[in-house]
C-alpha atoms as a PDB file:
ATOM      1  CA  MET A   1      87.247 102.168  84.090  1.00  0.00           C
ATOM      2  CA  LYS A   2      90.807 102.786  85.129  1.00  0.00           C
ATOM      3  CA  LYS A   3      92.498  99.809  85.543  1.00  0.00           C
ATOM      4  CA  ASN A   4      93.775  99.560  89.264  1.00  0.00           C
ATOM      5  CA  MET A   5      94.999  96.179  90.020  1.00  0.00           C
ATOM      6  CA  GLY A   6      98.494  94.551  89.566  1.00  0.00           C
ATOM      7  CA  THR A   7      98.744  90.508  88.166  1.00  0.00           C
ATOM      8  CA  ILE A   8      99.190  89.622  91.966  1.00  0.00           C
ATOM      9  CA  ASP A   9      96.207  91.337  93.219  1.00  0.00           C
ATOM     10  CA  ARG A  10      94.514  89.930  90.382  1.00  0.00           C
ATOM     11  CA  THR A  11      95.930  86.015  91.487  1.00  0.00           C
ATOM     12  CA  LEU A  12      95.156  86.356  94.942  1.00  0.00           C
ATOM     13  CA  ARG A  13      91.235  87.166  94.067  1.00  0.00           C
ATOM     14  CA  VAL A  14      90.677  84.666  91.797  1.00  0.00           C
ATOM     15  CA  LEU A  15      92.387  81.949  94.378  1.00  0.00           C
ATOM     16  CA  LEU A  16      89.889  83.462  97.413  1.00  0.00           C
ATOM     17  CA  ALA A  17      87.400  82.789  95.204  1.00  0.00           C
ATOM     18  CA  VAL A  18      88.432  79.225  93.962  1.00  0.00           C
ATOM     19  CA  ALA A  19      89.009  78.232  97.701  1.00  0.00           C
ATOM     20  CA  ALA A  20      85.177  79.530  98.648  1.00  0.00           C
ATOM     21  CA  GLY A  21      84.173  77.438  95.928  1.00  0.00           C
ATOM     22  CA  VAL A  22      85.831  74.731  97.172  1.00  0.00           C
ATOM     23  CA  LEU A  23      84.997  75.109 100.598  1.00  0.00           C
ATOM     24  CA  TRP A  24      81.100  75.368  99.269  1.00  0.00           C
ATOM     25  CA  TYR A  25      81.619  72.376  96.580  1.00  0.00           C
ATOM     26  CA  THR A  26      83.016  69.799  99.686  1.00  0.00           C
ATOM     27  CA  GLY A  27      80.560  70.993 102.057  1.00  0.00           C
ATOM     28  CA  VAL A  28      82.494  72.931 104.607  1.00  0.00           C
ATOM     29  CA  ILE A  29      80.426  75.789 104.533  1.00  0.00           C
ATOM     30  CA  SER A  30      76.864  76.053 104.110  1.00  0.00           C
ATOM     31  CA  GLY A  31      74.044  78.014 104.653  1.00  0.00           C
ATOM     32  CA  THR A  32      74.468  82.390 105.109  1.00  0.00           C
ATOM     33  CA  VAL A  33      77.937  81.910 105.330  1.00  0.00           C
ATOM     34  CA  ALA A  34      78.094  79.843 101.941  1.00  0.00           C
ATOM     35  CA  ILE A  35      75.809  82.836 100.135  1.00  0.00           C
ATOM     36  CA  VAL A  36      77.741  85.654 101.747  1.00  0.00           C
ATOM     37  CA  LEU A  37      81.460  84.030 100.902  1.00  0.00           C
ATOM     38  CA  GLY A  38      79.580  83.129  97.397  1.00  0.00           C
ATOM     39  CA  VAL A  39      78.649  86.817  96.793  1.00  0.00           C
ATOM     40  CA  ILE A  40      81.898  88.026  97.549  1.00  0.00           C
ATOM     41  CA  SER A  41      83.836  85.261  95.270  1.00  0.00           C
ATOM     42  CA  VAL A  42      81.465  86.706  92.114  1.00  0.00           C
ATOM     43  CA  ILE A  43      82.805  90.197  93.273  1.00  0.00           C
ATOM     44  CA  LEU A  44      86.327  89.288  93.591  1.00  0.00           C
ATOM     45  CA  ILE A  45      86.189  87.245  90.122  1.00  0.00           C
ATOM     46  CA  ALA A  46      84.469  90.351  88.473  1.00  0.00           C
ATOM     47  CA  THR A  47      86.737  92.652  89.579  1.00  0.00           C
ATOM     48  CA  SER A  48      90.024  90.244  88.321  1.00  0.00           C
ATOM     49  CA  LEU A  49      88.218  90.272  84.729  1.00  0.00           C
ATOM     50  CA  VAL A  50      88.298  93.994  84.584  1.00  0.00           C
ATOM     51  CA  GLY A  51      91.365  94.801  86.524  1.00  0.00           C
ATOM     52  CA  SER A  52      89.308  97.480  88.146  1.00  0.00           C
ATOM     53  CA  CYS A  53      88.651  97.753  92.176  1.00  0.00           C
ATOM     54  CA  PRO A  54      85.944 100.559  92.905  1.00  0.00           C
ATOM     55  CA  LEU A  55      87.097 100.328  96.593  1.00  0.00           C
ATOM     56  CA  TYR A  56      90.452 101.597  95.375  1.00  0.00           C
ATOM     57  CA  LEU A  57      89.365 104.788  93.687  1.00  0.00           C
ATOM     58  CA  PRO A  58      88.479 107.223  96.635  1.00  0.00           C
ATOM     59  CA  PHE A  59      91.619 106.055  98.056  1.00  0.00           C
ATOM     60  CA  GLY A  60      93.820 106.747  94.893  1.00  0.00           C
ATOM     61  CA  LEU A  61      95.220 103.002  95.357  1.00  0.00           C
ATOM     62  CA  SER A  62      96.838 101.047  92.908  1.00  0.00           C
ATOM     63  CA  THR A  63      98.755  97.656  92.758  1.00  0.00           C
ATOM     64  CA  ARG A  64      99.250  97.828  89.238  1.00  0.00           C
ATOM     65  CA  GLY A  65     102.867  99.493  89.281  1.00  0.00           C
ATOM     66  CA  LYS A  66     103.965 102.304  87.114  1.00  0.00           C
ATOM     67  CA  GLN A  67     102.828 101.956  83.422  1.00  0.00           C
END
């Protein structure tokens, strides 16, 4: 897969996932909301590690910059 995510994009995704995890851990969110945010967090972290977002591909988007 072609990488299409820049450093800032990847960092923001990890920070959002960590924030959702902290909200769950502290008990601020629970139930269905926690499950949905947990699934989204896993997806955000996975795409950050891979460096490619499948949703960017159909639109030809890239936050990676010129390489």
